[in-house]
């Protein structure tokens, strides 16, 4: 006749081993996902500013106008601060005022909203790019993940108005965030 009926399913031992392996993989993998997300958020703040500086440089040369980038909380007017975390604006600075201030008749060229998870600090209140007469404003913007999940990066603007992204300063040290 027939032998004993075989039951289908998992034993408690197999279930515990499977759950243990799954928990181990999740424990090791989740911090990596957090770092990847933080890297992408920083990149999402660096890239638009990087391209805006190139556009400002090009616009200042082709239109022979002074173009300024500055931090802005309302995306209409410059703020009196070195904190760029809330966002920034780019405009034609027709009256060339210093510190930069956007008047109602000055053309707004670009606007960018910040991300509250990323801190952006600069050693300048604005960056001005000029067509030919004077050099551009040089300086550094430092981008930091507020939760500290990824390395800090900087956008360094040269006297000629060329930006570059760096993760170490001229002494070879990682950039530090001002808290």
Protein backbone atom coordinates (compact mmCIF):
# COMPACT_ATOMS: atom_id res chain seq x y z
CA UNK A 1 0.00 0.00 0.00
CA UNK A 2 0.98 3.54 0.39
CA UNK A 3 3.44 4.97 2.89
CA UNK A 4 2.64 7.75 5.31
CA UNK A 5 1.33 10.94 3.72
CA UNK A 6 3.98 13.58 3.32
CA UNK A 7 3.04 17.05 4.55
CA UNK A 8 4.00 20.10 2.58
CA UNK A 9 5.27 23.31 4.20
CA UNK A 10 8.17 24.68 6.21
CA UNK A 11 9.37 23.69 9.60
CA UNK A 12 9.77 26.27 12.33
CA UNK A 13 13.54 25.88 12.02
CA UNK A 14 13.49 26.72 8.28
CA UNK A 15 11.28 29.73 8.94
CA UNK A 16 13.58 31.07 11.68
CA UNK A 17 16.69 30.66 9.51
CA UNK A 18 14.99 32.46 6.61
CA UNK A 19 13.86 35.34 8.83
CA UNK A 20 17.32 35.65 10.38
CA UNK A 21 18.98 35.88 6.96
CA UNK A 22 16.39 38.44 5.77
CA UNK A 23 16.93 40.57 8.90
CA UNK A 24 20.71 40.43 8.42
CA UNK A 25 20.47 41.51 4.78
CA UNK A 26 18.12 44.38 5.67
CA UNK A 27 20.36 45.53 8.53
CA UNK A 28 23.38 45.66 6.25
CA UNK A 29 21.56 47.10 3.23
CA UNK A 30 19.38 49.88 4.65
CA UNK A 31 22.21 52.24 5.64
CA UNK A 32 23.49 52.02 2.05
CA UNK A 33 20.08 53.06 0.73
CA UNK A 34 20.09 56.04 3.10
CA UNK A 35 23.51 57.12 1.84
CA UNK A 36 22.43 56.72 -1.79
CA UNK A 37 19.36 58.85 -1.16
CA UNK A 38 21.44 61.54 0.60
CA UNK A 39 23.96 61.54 -2.28
CA UNK A 40 21.12 62.06 -4.76
CA UNK A 41 19.62 64.92 -2.72
CA UNK A 42 22.98 66.71 -2.61
CA UNK A 43 23.44 66.17 -6.32
CA UNK A 44 19.93 67.55 -6.93
CA UNK A 45 21.04 70.78 -5.24
CA UNK A 46 24.53 71.02 -6.79
CA UNK A 47 23.59 70.35 -10.43
CA UNK A 48 21.10 73.23 -10.93
CA UNK A 49 23.50 75.73 -9.33
CA UNK A 50 26.43 74.39 -11.37
CA UNK A 51 24.45 74.83 -14.60
CA UNK A 52 23.10 78.23 -13.51
CA UNK A 53 26.66 79.51 -13.05
CA UNK A 54 27.50 78.35 -16.59
CA UNK A 55 24.32 80.01 -17.88
CA UNK A 56 25.12 83.23 -15.98
CA UNK A 57 28.61 83.28 -17.44
CA UNK A 58 27.29 82.72 -20.95
CA UNK A 59 24.50 85.28 -20.52
CA UNK A 60 26.88 87.93 -19.20
CA UNK A 61 29.13 87.51 -22.23
CA UNK A 62 26.47 87.22 -24.95
CA UNK A 63 24.23 90.01 -23.61
CA UNK A 64 27.09 92.07 -22.17
CA UNK A 65 25.22 92.37 -18.88
CA UNK A 66 26.08 91.72 -15.26
CA UNK A 67 24.37 88.57 -13.96
CA UNK A 68 24.10 87.82 -10.24
CA UNK A 69 23.20 84.69 -8.26
CA UNK A 70 22.16 85.10 -4.64
CA UNK A 71 20.37 83.16 -1.90
CA UNK A 72 16.63 83.74 -1.63
CA UNK A 73 13.89 82.54 0.71
CA UNK A 74 10.99 83.89 -1.38
CA UNK A 75 12.50 83.23 -4.86
CA UNK A 76 12.01 86.91 -5.76
CA UNK A 77 14.59 88.84 -3.74
CA UNK A 78 18.12 88.31 -2.40
CA UNK A 79 18.49 87.64 1.30
CA UNK A 80 21.18 89.18 3.46
CA UNK A 81 22.88 85.92 4.40
CA UNK A 82 25.50 83.36 3.39
CA UNK A 83 22.95 80.55 3.87
CA UNK A 84 21.74 79.30 0.47
CA UNK A 85 19.70 76.37 1.90
CA UNK A 86 16.26 77.87 1.14
CA UNK A 87 17.05 78.36 -2.52
CA UNK A 88 18.52 80.94 -4.86
CA UNK A 89 17.74 83.26 -7.74
CA UNK A 90 19.68 84.41 -10.81
CA UNK A 91 18.94 87.81 -12.35
CA UNK A 92 20.33 90.53 -14.60
CA UNK A 93 21.86 93.03 -12.20
CA UNK A 94 21.37 96.11 -14.39
CA UNK A 95 22.31 98.67 -11.73
CA UNK A 96 25.27 96.52 -10.51
CA UNK A 97 24.47 97.16 -6.87
CA UNK A 98 26.53 95.66 -4.06
CA UNK A 99 25.36 93.94 -2.02
CA UNK A 100 23.24 92.49 -4.77
CA UNK A 101 19.56 93.43 -4.68
CA UNK A 102 17.01 92.60 -7.38
CA UNK A 103 14.93 95.59 -8.41
CA UNK A 104 11.48 95.19 -10.00
CA UNK A 105 12.76 96.07 -13.47
CA UNK A 106 15.64 93.54 -13.39
CA UNK A 107 14.98 90.32 -15.29
CA UNK A 108 14.76 87.13 -13.24
CA UNK A 109 16.58 84.41 -15.20
CA UNK A 110 16.36 81.37 -12.90
CA UNK A 111 14.87 80.29 -9.59
CA UNK A 112 15.64 77.23 -7.49
CA UNK A 113 13.88 76.00 -4.35
CA UNK A 114 16.11 74.43 -1.68
CA UNK A 115 15.70 71.11 0.12
CA UNK A 116 15.40 71.33 3.92
CA UNK A 117 17.47 68.14 4.27
CA UNK A 118 20.49 69.78 2.63
CA UNK A 119 22.42 72.69 4.15
CA UNK A 120 24.18 75.02 1.72
CA UNK A 121 26.56 77.63 3.06
CA UNK A 122 28.84 79.94 1.11
CA UNK A 123 31.66 82.32 1.79
CA UNK A 124 29.82 84.91 -0.36
CA UNK A 125 26.39 86.54 -0.20
CA UNK A 126 26.23 86.57 -3.99
CA UNK A 127 28.16 85.59 -7.10
CA UNK A 128 28.39 88.15 -9.88
CA UNK A 129 29.48 87.34 -13.42
CA UNK A 130 30.53 90.17 -15.70
CA UNK A 131 31.01 90.25 -19.46
CA UNK A 132 34.49 91.66 -19.86
CA UNK A 133 35.41 94.54 -17.57
CA UNK A 134 36.06 92.79 -14.24
CA UNK A 135 36.53 89.24 -13.16
CA UNK A 136 33.70 87.21 -11.67
CA UNK A 137 33.13 86.77 -7.96
CA UNK A 138 35.00 83.67 -6.85
CA UNK A 139 34.02 81.60 -3.84
CA UNK A 140 32.86 78.28 -2.45
CA UNK A 141 29.45 76.83 -1.64
CA UNK A 142 29.46 73.83 0.70
CA UNK A 143 26.65 71.24 0.49
CA UNK A 144 25.97 69.07 3.55
CA UNK A 145 23.44 66.39 4.39
CA UNK A 146 21.88 67.56 7.67
CA UNK A 147 21.65 63.93 8.85
CA UNK A 148 25.34 63.32 8.10
CA UNK A 149 24.73 60.24 5.93
CA UNK A 150 27.10 61.21 3.13
CA UNK A 151 30.27 63.20 2.53
CA UNK A 152 30.09 66.95 2.11
CA UNK A 153 30.79 68.48 -1.26
CA UNK A 154 31.61 71.94 -2.50
CA UNK A 155 30.93 73.94 -5.61
CA UNK A 156 34.02 76.09 -6.20
CA UNK A 157 33.65 79.10 -8.50
CA UNK A 158 36.86 80.50 -10.02
CA UNK A 159 37.65 84.13 -10.87
CA UNK A 160 36.74 83.37 -14.48
CA UNK A 161 33.31 82.11 -13.39
CA UNK A 162 33.99 78.44 -14.01
CA UNK A 163 32.46 76.11 -11.43
CA UNK A 164 33.83 72.74 -10.33
CA UNK A 165 32.63 70.20 -7.77
CA UNK A 166 35.08 69.01 -5.11
CA UNK A 167 34.92 66.85 -2.00
CA UNK A 168 38.25 68.05 -0.52
CA UNK A 169 39.68 71.51 0.01
CA UNK A 170 43.10 72.71 -1.18
CA UNK A 171 44.76 71.13 1.91
CA UNK A 172 43.27 67.75 1.01
CA UNK A 173 40.80 67.79 3.90
CA UNK A 174 37.08 67.05 3.58
CA UNK A 175 34.87 70.13 3.60
CA UNK A 176 33.32 70.90 6.98
CA UNK A 177 29.81 72.21 7.44
CA UNK A 178 29.04 75.25 9.50
CA UNK A 179 26.35 74.28 11.98
